């Protein structure tokens, strides 16, 4: 074999090795998700006390640090959690959560006067909703969970409703996709929004809010 032929063979071998190595090192493309608001076609219950011209402020909404990240979090058992490197939130989770809650409350209370903190018109709000999320993830048992503390303040900072704890669980099945998980997590935000909406209605009517209970919902 001539020297030039040997060089050509060597180049082909090196090129093949490079292609194989590049193929082995390829990672799946990331997929991005956002929470979804409840259907806007839903009508406000006739028994609800309307908020009138009241201006509602949402925030701050804070998350436990292990949750407030780009990766979607799942629990693999016990104290261990898994971060999905290729399944991520499309925007900071606390911002997405607050925005969807605002959309839900706008539907439930039939009002457009809802602002997110920070806002230029924050000084004009009549009610402030504060939320601290402890858990917002999926488990290997096939369900997603939301656990949060929240409270309501009146204009000027007076506390109308002291810190309450709400916990919700939605079953999705152990073979659920990440799309299913995000849809179910959106459902838990809807359930919390309904609880807060009832409390706001009660506060507006100078009545004590209904007791908050743990509930499990079959979503699929």
N, C-alpha and C. Protein backbone atom coordinates (compact mmCIF):
# COMPACT_ATOMS: atom_id res chain seq x y z
N UNK A 1 0.85 -1.20 0.00
CA UNK A 1 0.00 0.00 0.00
C UNK A 1 0.88 1.24 0.00
N UNK A 2 0.54 2.20 -0.83
CA UNK A 2 1.32 3.41 -0.90
C UNK A 2 1.06 4.30 0.32
N UNK A 3 1.99 5.23 0.55
CA UNK A 3 1.89 6.12 1.72
C UNK A 3 0.63 6.96 1.64
N UNK A 4 0.29 7.48 0.47
CA UNK A 4 -0.90 8.31 0.32
C UNK A 4 -2.17 7.51 0.66
N UNK A 5 -2.16 6.23 0.23
CA UNK A 5 -3.31 5.38 0.55
C UNK A 5 -3.45 5.18 2.06
N UNK A 6 -2.32 5.00 2.73
CA UNK A 6 -2.33 4.84 4.20
C UNK A 6 -2.87 6.10 4.86
N UNK A 7 -2.47 7.26 4.37
CA UNK A 7 -2.95 8.52 4.93
C UNK A 7 -4.46 8.64 4.76
N UNK A 8 -4.96 8.25 3.60
CA UNK A 8 -6.40 8.33 3.35
C UNK A 8 -7.19 7.40 4.27
N UNK A 9 -6.65 6.18 4.45
CA UNK A 9 -7.30 5.24 5.35
C UNK A 9 -7.33 5.77 6.77
N UNK A 10 -6.23 6.36 7.18
CA UNK A 10 -6.13 6.91 8.54
C UNK A 10 -7.13 8.04 8.74
N UNK A 11 -7.27 8.88 7.72
CA UNK A 11 -8.23 9.99 7.82
C UNK A 11 -9.66 9.47 7.92
N UNK A 12 -9.97 8.42 7.15
CA UNK A 12 -11.31 7.85 7.20
C UNK A 12 -11.60 7.25 8.57
N UNK A 13 -10.61 6.54 9.13
CA UNK A 13 -10.77 5.94 10.45
C UNK A 13 -10.99 7.03 11.50
N UNK A 14 -10.20 8.09 11.45
CA UNK A 14 -10.34 9.17 12.42
C UNK A 14 -11.70 9.86 12.30
N UNK A 15 -12.13 10.06 11.06
CA UNK A 15 -13.44 10.69 10.85
C UNK A 15 -14.56 9.82 11.40
N UNK A 16 -14.44 8.51 11.19
CA UNK A 16 -15.46 7.58 11.70
C UNK A 16 -15.50 7.61 13.23
N UNK A 17 -14.32 7.58 13.84
CA UNK A 17 -14.26 7.62 15.31
C UNK A 17 -14.88 8.90 15.83
N UNK A 18 -14.61 10.02 15.15
CA UNK A 18 -15.17 11.31 15.58
C UNK A 18 -16.69 11.30 15.51
N UNK A 19 -17.24 10.75 14.42
CA UNK A 19 -18.69 10.68 14.28
C UNK A 19 -19.31 9.82 15.36
N UNK A 20 -18.67 8.69 15.66
CA UNK A 20 -19.18 7.80 16.71
C UNK A 20 -19.17 8.49 18.06
N UNK A 21 -18.04 9.16 18.38
CA UNK A 21 -17.94 9.84 19.66
C UNK A 21 -18.96 10.96 19.77
N UNK A 22 -19.15 11.71 18.68
CA UNK A 22 -20.14 12.79 18.71
C UNK A 22 -21.55 12.23 18.90
N UNK A 23 -21.81 11.08 18.25
CA UNK A 23 -23.12 10.47 18.40
C UNK A 23 -23.37 10.01 19.82
N UNK A 24 -22.34 9.45 20.44
CA UNK A 24 -22.48 8.97 21.82
C UNK A 24 -22.67 10.13 22.79
N UNK A 25 -22.12 11.29 22.46
CA UNK A 25 -22.19 12.42 23.38
C UNK A 25 -23.41 13.29 23.19
N UNK A 26 -24.26 12.95 22.22
CA UNK A 26 -25.44 13.76 21.96
C UNK A 26 -26.49 13.57 23.06
N UNK A 27 -27.01 14.67 23.59
CA UNK A 27 -28.05 14.61 24.62
C UNK A 27 -29.39 15.02 24.00
N UNK A 28 -30.47 14.48 24.50
CA UNK A 28 -31.79 14.84 23.96
C UNK A 28 -32.04 16.34 24.15
N UNK A 29 -32.74 16.96 23.23
CA UNK A 29 -33.04 18.39 23.38
C UNK A 29 -33.95 18.63 24.58
N UNK A 30 -33.77 19.76 25.23
CA UNK A 30 -34.59 20.10 26.38
C UNK A 30 -36.00 20.47 25.94
N UNK A 31 -36.96 20.15 26.78
CA UNK A 31 -38.35 20.54 26.56
C UNK A 31 -38.74 21.49 27.69
N UNK A 32 -39.56 22.49 27.33
CA UNK A 32 -39.88 23.56 28.28
C UNK A 32 -41.39 23.61 28.50
N UNK A 33 -41.78 23.93 29.76
CA UNK A 33 -43.17 23.85 30.16
C UNK A 33 -43.58 25.11 30.93
N UNK A 34 -44.88 25.41 30.89
CA UNK A 34 -45.45 26.46 31.71
C UNK A 34 -46.73 25.93 32.35
N UNK A 35 -47.06 26.46 33.51
CA UNK A 35 -48.33 26.14 34.14
C UNK A 35 -49.45 26.78 33.34
N UNK A 36 -50.65 26.22 33.44
CA UNK A 36 -51.79 26.72 32.70
C UNK A 36 -52.87 27.20 33.65
N UNK A 37 -53.55 28.28 33.26
CA UNK A 37 -54.67 28.78 34.05
C UNK A 37 -55.89 27.90 33.85
N UNK A 38 -56.84 28.01 34.75
CA UNK A 38 -58.08 27.28 34.62
C UNK A 38 -58.86 27.78 33.41
N UNK A 39 -59.82 27.00 32.88
CA UNK A 39 -60.58 27.45 31.71
C UNK A 39 -61.28 28.77 31.96
N UNK A 40 -61.12 29.68 31.05
CA UNK A 40 -61.71 31.01 31.22
C UNK A 40 -63.20 31.05 30.99
N UNK A 41 -63.76 29.96 30.47
CA UNK A 41 -65.20 29.95 30.18
C UNK A 41 -66.02 29.68 31.44
N UNK A 42 -65.37 29.33 32.52
CA UNK A 42 -66.12 29.01 33.75
C UNK A 42 -66.78 30.26 34.30
N UNK A 43 -68.02 30.12 34.72
CA UNK A 43 -68.75 31.26 35.28
C UNK A 43 -68.54 31.33 36.78
N UNK A 44 -68.66 32.51 37.31
CA UNK A 44 -68.53 32.71 38.75
C UNK A 44 -69.77 32.17 39.44
N UNK A 45 -69.64 31.37 40.51
CA UNK A 45 -70.82 30.85 41.21
C UNK A 45 -71.76 31.97 41.61
N UNK A 46 -73.06 31.73 41.50
CA UNK A 46 -74.03 32.78 41.80
C UNK A 46 -74.03 33.15 43.27
N UNK A 47 -73.53 32.25 44.14
CA UNK A 47 -73.52 32.53 45.57
C UNK A 47 -72.31 33.35 46.00
N UNK A 48 -71.40 33.59 45.06
CA UNK A 48 -70.16 34.29 45.40
C UNK A 48 -70.43 35.76 45.69
N UNK A 49 -69.67 36.30 46.64
CA UNK A 49 -69.71 37.72 46.92
C UNK A 49 -68.71 38.40 46.01
N UNK A 50 -69.15 39.27 45.14
CA UNK A 50 -68.25 39.91 44.19
C UNK A 50 -67.33 40.89 44.89
N UNK A 51 -66.18 41.12 44.27
CA UNK A 51 -65.19 42.01 44.86
C UNK A 51 -65.43 43.47 44.49
N UNK A 52 -66.38 43.74 43.60
CA UNK A 52 -66.65 45.12 43.23
C UNK A 52 -65.43 45.76 42.62
N UNK A 53 -65.06 46.92 43.15
CA UNK A 53 -63.91 47.66 42.64
C UNK A 53 -62.64 47.36 43.42
N UNK A 54 -62.63 46.34 44.24
CA UNK A 54 -61.45 46.01 45.04
C UNK A 54 -60.28 45.63 44.14
N UNK A 55 -59.12 46.07 44.53
CA UNK A 55 -57.89 45.80 43.78
C UNK A 55 -57.08 44.77 44.57
N UNK A 56 -56.76 43.65 43.93
CA UNK A 56 -56.08 42.54 44.61
C UNK A 56 -54.63 42.47 44.14
N UNK A 57 -53.72 42.34 45.10
CA UNK A 57 -52.31 42.19 44.79
C UNK A 57 -51.82 40.79 45.12
N UNK A 58 -51.08 40.18 44.22
CA UNK A 58 -50.52 38.84 44.43
C UNK A 58 -49.02 38.95 44.64
N UNK A 59 -48.56 38.51 45.81
CA UNK A 59 -47.13 38.50 46.06
C UNK A 59 -46.77 39.12 47.39
N UNK A 60 -45.58 38.79 47.86
CA UNK A 60 -44.64 37.92 47.16
C UNK A 60 -45.08 36.45 47.18
N UNK A 61 -44.72 35.73 46.11
CA UNK A 61 -44.88 34.27 46.03
C UNK A 61 -43.47 33.68 46.11
N UNK A 62 -43.22 32.93 47.16
CA UNK A 62 -41.87 32.40 47.39
C UNK A 62 -41.90 30.88 47.41
N UNK A 63 -40.82 30.28 46.90
CA UNK A 63 -40.69 28.83 46.84
C UNK A 63 -39.50 28.36 47.66
N UNK A 64 -39.62 27.16 48.21
CA UNK A 64 -38.45 26.52 48.81
C UNK A 64 -37.34 26.47 47.76
N UNK A 65 -36.09 26.64 48.17
CA UNK A 65 -35.00 26.76 47.22
C UNK A 65 -34.84 25.54 46.34
N UNK A 66 -35.14 24.35 46.85
CA UNK A 66 -34.97 23.16 46.03
C UNK A 66 -35.97 23.11 44.87
N UNK A 67 -37.04 23.90 44.97
CA UNK A 67 -38.05 23.95 43.92
C UNK A 67 -37.83 25.10 42.94
N UNK A 68 -37.30 26.20 43.42
CA UNK A 68 -37.21 27.42 42.60
C UNK A 68 -36.00 27.34 41.68
N UNK A 69 -36.10 26.49 40.69
CA UNK A 69 -35.02 26.26 39.74
C UNK A 69 -35.62 25.92 38.38
N UNK A 70 -34.78 25.85 37.37
CA UNK A 70 -35.28 25.60 36.01
C UNK A 70 -35.80 24.18 35.85
N UNK A 71 -35.14 23.20 36.48
CA UNK A 71 -35.52 21.80 36.30
C UNK A 71 -36.81 21.46 37.05
N UNK A 72 -37.65 20.62 36.44
CA UNK A 72 -38.83 20.11 37.13
C UNK A 72 -38.38 19.07 38.14
N UNK A 73 -38.92 19.14 39.34
CA UNK A 73 -38.49 18.29 40.45
C UNK A 73 -39.48 17.15 40.66
N UNK A 74 -38.96 15.95 40.82
CA UNK A 74 -39.79 14.80 41.21
C UNK A 74 -39.14 14.13 42.42
N UNK A 75 -39.97 13.45 43.21
CA UNK A 75 -39.48 12.71 44.37
C UNK A 75 -39.33 11.24 44.01
N UNK A 76 -38.15 10.68 44.24
CA UNK A 76 -37.90 9.29 43.89
C UNK A 76 -38.10 8.36 45.08
N UNK A 77 -38.36 8.90 46.24
CA UNK A 77 -38.59 8.09 47.44
C UNK A 77 -37.81 8.62 48.61
N UNK A 78 -38.45 8.65 49.77
CA UNK A 78 -37.78 9.15 50.97
C UNK A 78 -37.43 10.62 50.80
N UNK A 79 -36.18 10.92 51.13
CA UNK A 79 -35.71 12.30 51.06
C UNK A 79 -35.04 12.62 49.73
N UNK A 80 -35.01 11.67 48.81
CA UNK A 80 -34.30 11.87 47.55
C UNK A 80 -35.20 12.52 46.50
N UNK A 81 -34.64 13.49 45.77
CA UNK A 81 -35.36 14.14 44.69
C UNK A 81 -34.56 14.04 43.40
N UNK A 82 -35.26 14.15 42.29
CA UNK A 82 -34.64 14.07 40.97
C UNK A 82 -34.89 15.36 40.22
N UNK A 83 -33.85 15.90 39.60
CA UNK A 83 -33.97 17.10 38.79
C UNK A 83 -33.96 16.70 37.32
N UNK A 84 -35.00 17.03 36.61
CA UNK A 84 -35.12 16.64 35.19
C UNK A 84 -34.34 17.64 34.34
N UNK A 85 -33.14 17.27 33.92
CA UNK A 85 -32.27 18.18 33.18
C UNK A 85 -32.85 18.55 31.81
N UNK A 86 -33.62 17.67 31.20
CA UNK A 86 -34.15 17.96 29.87
C UNK A 86 -35.63 18.34 29.89
N UNK A 87 -36.21 18.46 31.08
CA UNK A 87 -37.60 18.91 31.22
C UNK A 87 -37.59 20.09 32.19
N UNK A 88 -37.78 21.29 31.65
CA UNK A 88 -37.53 22.51 32.43
C UNK A 88 -38.70 23.48 32.35
N UNK A 89 -38.76 24.35 33.35
CA UNK A 89 -39.74 25.43 33.33
C UNK A 89 -39.27 26.50 32.35
N UNK A 90 -40.21 27.05 31.59
CA UNK A 90 -39.87 28.03 30.57
C UNK A 90 -39.61 29.42 31.16
N UNK A 91 -40.00 29.65 32.38
CA UNK A 91 -39.75 30.91 33.07
C UNK A 91 -39.56 30.60 34.55
N UNK A 92 -39.00 31.54 35.32
CA UNK A 92 -38.84 31.28 36.75
C UNK A 92 -40.16 30.82 37.37
N UNK A 93 -40.09 29.75 38.14
CA UNK A 93 -41.31 29.09 38.62
C UNK A 93 -42.16 30.02 39.48
N UNK A 94 -41.53 30.81 40.34
CA UNK A 94 -42.32 31.68 41.22
C UNK A 94 -43.09 32.72 40.40
N UNK A 95 -42.51 33.17 39.28
CA UNK A 95 -43.22 34.12 38.41
C UNK A 95 -44.38 33.45 37.69
N UNK A 96 -44.16 32.26 37.16
CA UNK A 96 -45.19 31.51 36.47
C UNK A 96 -46.36 31.19 37.41
N UNK A 97 -46.04 30.73 38.61
CA UNK A 97 -47.04 30.38 39.62
C UNK A 97 -47.89 31.60 39.97
N UNK A 98 -47.25 32.74 40.23
CA UNK A 98 -47.98 33.95 40.60
C UNK A 98 -48.88 34.42 39.46
N UNK A 99 -48.38 34.36 38.24
CA UNK A 99 -49.16 34.82 37.09
C UNK A 99 -50.39 33.94 36.88
N UNK A 100 -50.23 32.61 37.00
CA UNK A 100 -51.37 31.71 36.82
C UNK A 100 -52.38 31.88 37.95
N UNK A 101 -51.90 32.08 39.15
CA UNK A 101 -52.82 32.33 40.26
C UNK A 101 -53.61 33.61 40.02
N UNK A 102 -52.95 34.64 39.50
CA UNK A 102 -53.64 35.89 39.21
C UNK A 102 -54.71 35.68 38.14
N UNK A 103 -54.40 34.91 37.11
CA UNK A 103 -55.38 34.62 36.06
C UNK A 103 -56.56 33.85 36.63
N UNK A 104 -56.28 32.86 37.48
CA UNK A 104 -57.36 32.08 38.09
C UNK A 104 -58.27 32.96 38.94
N UNK A 105 -57.67 33.81 39.77
CA UNK A 105 -58.47 34.68 40.64
C UNK A 105 -59.27 35.68 39.83
N UNK A 106 -58.71 36.12 38.72
CA UNK A 106 -59.45 37.04 37.85
C UNK A 106 -60.72 36.38 37.33
N UNK A 107 -60.63 35.08 37.00
CA UNK A 107 -61.79 34.33 36.52
C UNK A 107 -62.77 34.08 37.66
N UNK A 108 -62.26 33.61 38.79
CA UNK A 108 -63.12 33.23 39.91
C UNK A 108 -63.84 34.41 40.53
N UNK A 109 -63.18 35.56 40.58
CA UNK A 109 -63.75 36.74 41.22
C UNK A 109 -64.33 37.73 40.22
N UNK A 110 -64.21 37.39 38.94
CA UNK A 110 -64.77 38.23 37.88
C UNK A 110 -64.26 39.67 37.99
N UNK A 111 -62.94 39.81 38.02
CA UNK A 111 -62.34 41.13 38.11
C UNK A 111 -61.04 41.17 37.31
N UNK A 112 -60.73 42.33 36.79
CA UNK A 112 -59.46 42.55 36.10
C UNK A 112 -58.48 43.32 36.98
N UNK A 113 -58.94 43.70 38.17
CA UNK A 113 -58.10 44.51 39.05
C UNK A 113 -57.21 43.61 39.91
N UNK A 114 -56.25 42.98 39.27
CA UNK A 114 -55.29 42.12 39.97
C UNK A 114 -53.89 42.49 39.51
N UNK A 115 -53.00 42.71 40.44
CA UNK A 115 -51.63 43.10 40.14
C UNK A 115 -50.66 42.12 40.76
N UNK A 116 -49.52 41.95 40.10
CA UNK A 116 -48.44 41.12 40.62
C UNK A 116 -47.36 41.99 41.21
N UNK A 117 -46.82 41.55 42.34
CA UNK A 117 -45.70 42.28 42.94
C UNK A 117 -44.41 41.93 42.19
N UNK A 118 -43.57 42.90 41.83
CA UNK A 118 -43.75 44.34 42.04
C UNK A 118 -44.62 44.96 40.95
N UNK A 119 -45.30 46.03 41.30
CA UNK A 119 -46.17 46.71 40.35
C UNK A 119 -46.16 48.21 40.65
N UNK A 120 -46.27 49.01 39.61
CA UNK A 120 -46.26 50.46 39.80
C UNK A 120 -47.47 50.94 40.59
N UNK A 121 -48.57 50.21 40.50
CA UNK A 121 -49.78 50.63 41.21
C UNK A 121 -50.01 49.81 42.48
N UNK A 122 -48.93 49.25 43.04
CA UNK A 122 -49.05 48.41 44.24
C UNK A 122 -49.67 49.16 45.41
N UNK A 123 -49.46 50.46 45.50
CA UNK A 123 -50.01 51.24 46.62
C UNK A 123 -51.53 51.34 46.55
N UNK A 124 -52.11 50.96 45.42
CA UNK A 124 -53.56 51.08 45.25
C UNK A 124 -54.32 49.81 45.64
N UNK A 125 -53.61 48.74 45.98
CA UNK A 125 -54.31 47.47 46.24
C UNK A 125 -55.11 47.54 47.54
N UNK A 126 -56.21 46.79 47.56
CA UNK A 126 -57.06 46.69 48.75
C UNK A 126 -56.79 45.41 49.53
N UNK A 127 -56.39 44.34 48.82
CA UNK A 127 -56.08 43.06 49.45
C UNK A 127 -54.77 42.54 48.87
N UNK A 128 -53.92 42.02 49.76
CA UNK A 128 -52.65 41.44 49.33
C UNK A 128 -52.62 39.96 49.71
N UNK A 129 -52.31 39.10 48.73
CA UNK A 129 -52.21 37.66 48.96
C UNK A 129 -50.74 37.28 48.96
N UNK A 130 -50.27 36.69 50.06
CA UNK A 130 -48.88 36.25 50.18
C UNK A 130 -48.85 34.72 50.20
N UNK A 131 -47.94 34.13 49.46
CA UNK A 131 -47.88 32.67 49.34
C UNK A 131 -46.44 32.20 49.51
N UNK A 132 -46.28 31.14 50.31
CA UNK A 132 -44.98 30.50 50.49
C UNK A 132 -45.15 29.01 50.19
N UNK A 133 -44.54 28.55 49.10
CA UNK A 133 -44.73 27.17 48.64
C UNK A 133 -43.63 26.28 49.21
N UNK A 134 -44.03 25.23 49.92
CA UNK A 134 -43.09 24.27 50.51
C UNK A 134 -42.85 23.07 49.60
N UNK A 135 -43.90 22.63 48.93
CA UNK A 135 -43.79 21.44 48.09
C UNK A 135 -44.59 21.66 46.81
N UNK A 136 -43.99 21.29 45.68
CA UNK A 136 -44.64 21.44 44.38
C UNK A 136 -43.92 20.49 43.42
N UNK A 137 -44.27 19.20 43.53
CA UNK A 137 -43.51 18.20 42.79
C UNK A 137 -44.36 16.96 42.56
N UNK A 138 -43.76 15.98 41.88
CA UNK A 138 -44.42 14.70 41.61
C UNK A 138 -43.69 13.60 42.36
N UNK A 139 -44.40 12.51 42.65
CA UNK A 139 -43.80 11.38 43.35
C UNK A 139 -43.84 10.13 42.48
N UNK A 140 -43.04 9.15 42.84
CA UNK A 140 -43.04 7.89 42.08
C UNK A 140 -44.32 7.09 42.31
N UNK A 141 -45.13 7.48 43.27
CA UNK A 141 -46.41 6.83 43.50
C UNK A 141 -47.48 7.30 42.51
N UNK A 142 -47.12 8.25 41.64
CA UNK A 142 -48.05 8.69 40.60
C UNK A 142 -48.99 9.79 41.01
N UNK A 143 -48.51 10.73 41.79
CA UNK A 143 -49.32 11.88 42.14
C UNK A 143 -48.45 13.11 42.30
N UNK A 144 -49.05 14.27 42.10
CA UNK A 144 -48.33 15.52 42.32
C UNK A 144 -48.91 16.18 43.56
N UNK A 145 -48.09 16.99 44.22
CA UNK A 145 -48.51 17.61 45.48
C UNK A 145 -48.14 19.09 45.51
N UNK A 146 -49.01 19.85 46.10
CA UNK A 146 -48.76 21.27 46.40
C UNK A 146 -49.04 21.48 47.87
N UNK A 147 -48.05 21.99 48.60
CA UNK A 147 -48.21 22.37 49.99
C UNK A 147 -47.74 23.81 50.11
N UNK A 148 -48.60 24.68 50.65
CA UNK A 148 -48.26 26.10 50.72
C UNK A 148 -48.88 26.74 51.94
N UNK A 149 -48.20 27.74 52.46
CA UNK A 149 -48.75 28.64 53.45
C UNK A 149 -49.15 29.93 52.75
N UNK A 150 -50.25 30.53 53.17
CA UNK A 150 -50.67 31.78 52.55
C UNK A 150 -51.44 32.62 53.55
N UNK A 151 -51.51 33.90 53.27
CA UNK A 151 -52.24 34.82 54.14
C UNK A 151 -52.78 35.97 53.30
N UNK A 152 -53.70 36.73 53.89
CA UNK A 152 -54.30 37.88 53.21
C UNK A 152 -54.16 39.11 54.09
N UNK A 153 -53.68 40.18 53.51
CA UNK A 153 -53.55 41.45 54.22
C UNK A 153 -54.45 42.50 53.57
N UNK A 154 -54.92 43.43 54.40
CA UNK A 154 -55.72 44.54 53.90
C UNK A 154 -54.79 45.68 53.50
N UNK A 155 -55.35 46.67 52.89
CA UNK A 155 -54.58 47.85 52.52
C UNK A 155 -53.94 48.46 53.75
N UNK A 156 -52.67 48.74 53.68
CA UNK A 156 -51.96 49.27 54.83
C UNK A 156 -51.23 48.22 55.62
N UNK A 157 -51.45 46.93 55.30
CA UNK A 157 -50.69 45.86 55.94
C UNK A 157 -51.39 45.13 57.05
N UNK A 158 -52.62 45.54 57.41
CA UNK A 158 -53.35 44.82 58.46
C UNK A 158 -53.67 43.40 58.01
N UNK A 159 -53.41 42.43 58.86
CA UNK A 159 -53.63 41.02 58.49
C UNK A 159 -55.08 40.63 58.69
N UNK A 160 -55.76 40.31 57.59
CA UNK A 160 -57.15 39.88 57.64
C UNK A 160 -57.27 38.39 57.88
N UNK A 161 -56.35 37.64 57.31
CA UNK A 161 -56.35 36.19 57.46
C UNK A 161 -54.94 35.76 57.78
N UNK A 162 -54.75 35.21 58.97
CA UNK A 162 -53.42 34.79 59.39
C UNK A 162 -52.95 33.61 58.55
N UNK A 163 -51.67 33.31 58.64
CA UNK A 163 -51.06 32.29 57.80
C UNK A 163 -51.81 30.96 57.90
N UNK A 164 -52.25 30.45 56.76
CA UNK A 164 -52.95 29.18 56.67
C UNK A 164 -52.13 28.21 55.84
N UNK A 165 -52.29 26.93 56.12
CA UNK A 165 -51.61 25.90 55.35
C UNK A 165 -52.61 25.14 54.51
N UNK A 166 -52.33 25.03 53.22
CA UNK A 166 -53.17 24.26 52.30
C UNK A 166 -52.32 23.16 51.67
N UNK A 167 -52.92 21.99 51.47
CA UNK A 167 -52.20 20.88 50.85
C UNK A 167 -53.14 20.18 49.88
N UNK A 168 -52.66 19.95 48.67
CA UNK A 168 -53.46 19.33 47.63
C UNK A 168 -52.66 18.23 46.95
N UNK A 169 -53.37 17.19 46.53
CA UNK A 169 -52.73 16.07 45.84
C UNK A 169 -53.59 15.68 44.64
N UNK A 170 -52.97 15.53 43.49
CA UNK A 170 -53.68 15.15 42.26
C UNK A 170 -53.01 13.91 41.68
N UNK A 171 -53.79 12.86 41.46
CA UNK A 171 -53.25 11.62 40.93
C UNK A 171 -53.07 11.71 39.41
N UNK A 172 -51.92 11.22 38.95
CA UNK A 172 -51.63 11.21 37.51
C UNK A 172 -51.25 9.83 37.00
N UNK A 173 -50.93 8.90 37.88
CA UNK A 173 -50.49 7.58 37.47
C UNK A 173 -48.98 7.49 37.40
N UNK A 174 -48.44 6.28 37.63
CA UNK A 174 -46.99 6.13 37.72
C UNK A 174 -46.30 6.17 36.36
N UNK A 175 -47.07 6.16 35.26
CA UNK A 175 -46.48 6.25 33.92
C UNK A 175 -46.73 7.60 33.28
N UNK A 176 -47.03 8.59 34.09
CA UNK A 176 -47.37 9.91 33.57
C UNK A 176 -46.17 10.57 32.89
N UNK A 177 -46.44 11.29 31.82
CA UNK A 177 -45.40 12.07 31.14
C UNK A 177 -45.21 13.40 31.88
N UNK A 178 -44.17 14.12 31.51
CA UNK A 178 -43.96 15.42 32.14
C UNK A 178 -45.07 16.40 31.76
N UNK A 179 -45.65 16.23 30.58
CA UNK A 179 -46.79 17.06 30.21
C UNK A 179 -47.96 16.80 31.15
N UNK A 180 -48.20 15.51 31.48
CA UNK A 180 -49.25 15.16 32.44
C UNK A 180 -48.95 15.74 33.81
N UNK A 181 -47.69 15.67 34.22
CA UNK A 181 -47.29 16.19 35.53
C UNK A 181 -47.54 17.69 35.62
N UNK A 182 -47.18 18.42 34.58
CA UNK A 182 -47.37 19.88 34.59
C UNK A 182 -48.85 20.22 34.57
N UNK A 183 -49.64 19.48 33.82
CA UNK A 183 -51.09 19.70 33.82
C UNK A 183 -51.67 19.49 35.21
N UNK A 184 -51.21 18.45 35.89
CA UNK A 184 -51.71 18.16 37.23
C UNK A 184 -51.24 19.22 38.23
N UNK A 185 -50.01 19.68 38.09
CA UNK A 185 -49.53 20.76 38.95
C UNK A 185 -50.36 22.02 38.73
N UNK A 186 -50.75 22.27 37.48
CA UNK A 186 -51.63 23.41 37.20
C UNK A 186 -52.96 23.25 37.92
N UNK A 187 -53.43 22.00 38.00
CA UNK A 187 -54.70 21.75 38.70
C UNK A 187 -54.57 22.07 40.19
N UNK A 188 -53.42 21.77 40.80
CA UNK A 188 -53.26 22.10 42.21
C UNK A 188 -53.25 23.61 42.42
N UNK A 189 -52.68 24.35 41.47
CA UNK A 189 -52.71 25.82 41.57
C UNK A 189 -54.15 26.31 41.47
N UNK A 190 -54.95 25.67 40.62
CA UNK A 190 -56.36 26.03 40.53
C UNK A 190 -57.08 25.78 41.86
N UNK A 191 -56.82 24.63 42.49
CA UNK A 191 -57.46 24.32 43.77
C UNK A 191 -57.08 25.34 44.83
N UNK A 192 -55.81 25.71 44.88
CA UNK A 192 -55.38 26.73 45.84
C UNK A 192 -56.03 28.07 45.51
N UNK A 193 -56.13 28.41 44.23
CA UNK A 193 -56.75 29.67 43.82
C UNK A 193 -58.21 29.72 44.27
N UNK A 194 -58.91 28.60 44.16
CA UNK A 194 -60.31 28.55 44.60
C UNK A 194 -60.41 28.79 46.11
N UNK A 195 -59.48 28.19 46.87
CA UNK A 195 -59.48 28.38 48.32
C UNK A 195 -59.25 29.84 48.68
N UNK A 196 -58.30 30.45 48.00
CA UNK A 196 -57.98 31.85 48.26
C UNK A 196 -59.12 32.76 47.81
N UNK A 197 -59.76 32.42 46.70
CA UNK A 197 -60.89 33.22 46.22
C UNK A 197 -62.02 33.23 47.24
N UNK A 198 -62.31 32.07 47.82
CA UNK A 198 -63.36 32.01 48.84
C UNK A 198 -62.98 32.83 50.07
N UNK A 199 -61.70 32.79 50.43
CA UNK A 199 -61.25 33.58 51.58
C UNK A 199 -61.34 35.07 51.30
N UNK A 200 -61.02 35.47 50.08
CA UNK A 200 -61.13 36.88 49.71
C UNK A 200 -62.58 37.33 49.73
N UNK A 201 -63.47 36.48 49.25
CA UNK A 201 -64.90 36.81 49.29
C UNK A 201 -65.37 36.96 50.73
N UNK A 202 -64.92 36.07 51.59
CA UNK A 202 -65.31 36.15 53.01
C UNK A 202 -64.74 37.39 53.66
N UNK A 203 -63.49 37.70 53.36
CA UNK A 203 -62.87 38.89 53.93
C UNK A 203 -63.58 40.15 53.45
N UNK A 204 -63.97 40.14 52.19
CA UNK A 204 -64.69 41.29 51.64
C UNK A 204 -66.05 41.46 52.30
N UNK A 205 -66.66 40.34 52.69
CA UNK A 205 -67.96 40.39 53.34
C UNK A 205 -67.88 40.39 54.86
N UNK A 206 -66.64 40.56 55.39
CA UNK A 206 -66.42 40.58 56.84
C UNK A 206 -66.91 39.30 57.50
N UNK A 207 -66.66 38.15 56.83
CA UNK A 207 -67.01 36.86 57.38
C UNK A 207 -65.76 36.03 57.54
N UNK A 208 -65.81 35.06 58.44
CA UNK A 208 -64.67 34.17 58.63
C UNK A 208 -64.55 33.24 57.44
N UNK A 209 -63.34 33.00 56.92
CA UNK A 209 -63.17 32.10 55.78
C UNK A 209 -63.49 30.65 56.14
N UNK A 210 -63.89 29.90 55.13
CA UNK A 210 -64.18 28.49 55.35
C UNK A 210 -62.91 27.74 55.73
N UNK A 211 -63.03 26.70 56.56
CA UNK A 211 -61.84 25.94 56.95
C UNK A 211 -61.16 25.30 55.75
N UNK A 212 -59.85 25.23 55.78
CA UNK A 212 -59.08 24.67 54.69
C UNK A 212 -58.78 23.21 55.00
N UNK A 213 -59.04 22.33 54.05
CA UNK A 213 -58.86 20.91 54.27
C UNK A 213 -57.96 20.32 53.21
N UNK A 214 -57.31 19.23 53.57
CA UNK A 214 -56.50 18.46 52.61
C UNK A 214 -57.45 17.64 51.73
N UNK A 215 -57.20 17.65 50.43
CA UNK A 215 -58.05 16.89 49.53
C UNK A 215 -57.21 16.24 48.45
N UNK A 216 -57.69 15.09 47.95
CA UNK A 216 -57.05 14.39 46.85
C UNK A 216 -58.03 14.37 45.68
N UNK A 217 -57.54 14.71 44.49
CA UNK A 217 -58.38 14.80 43.31
C UNK A 217 -57.88 13.82 42.25
N UNK A 218 -58.78 13.07 41.67
CA UNK A 218 -58.44 12.23 40.53
C UNK A 218 -58.49 13.08 39.28
N UNK A 219 -57.32 13.28 38.64
CA UNK A 219 -57.22 14.21 37.54
C UNK A 219 -57.36 13.51 36.20
N UNK A 220 -56.85 12.28 36.12
CA UNK A 220 -56.92 11.56 34.85
C UNK A 220 -57.76 10.30 35.03
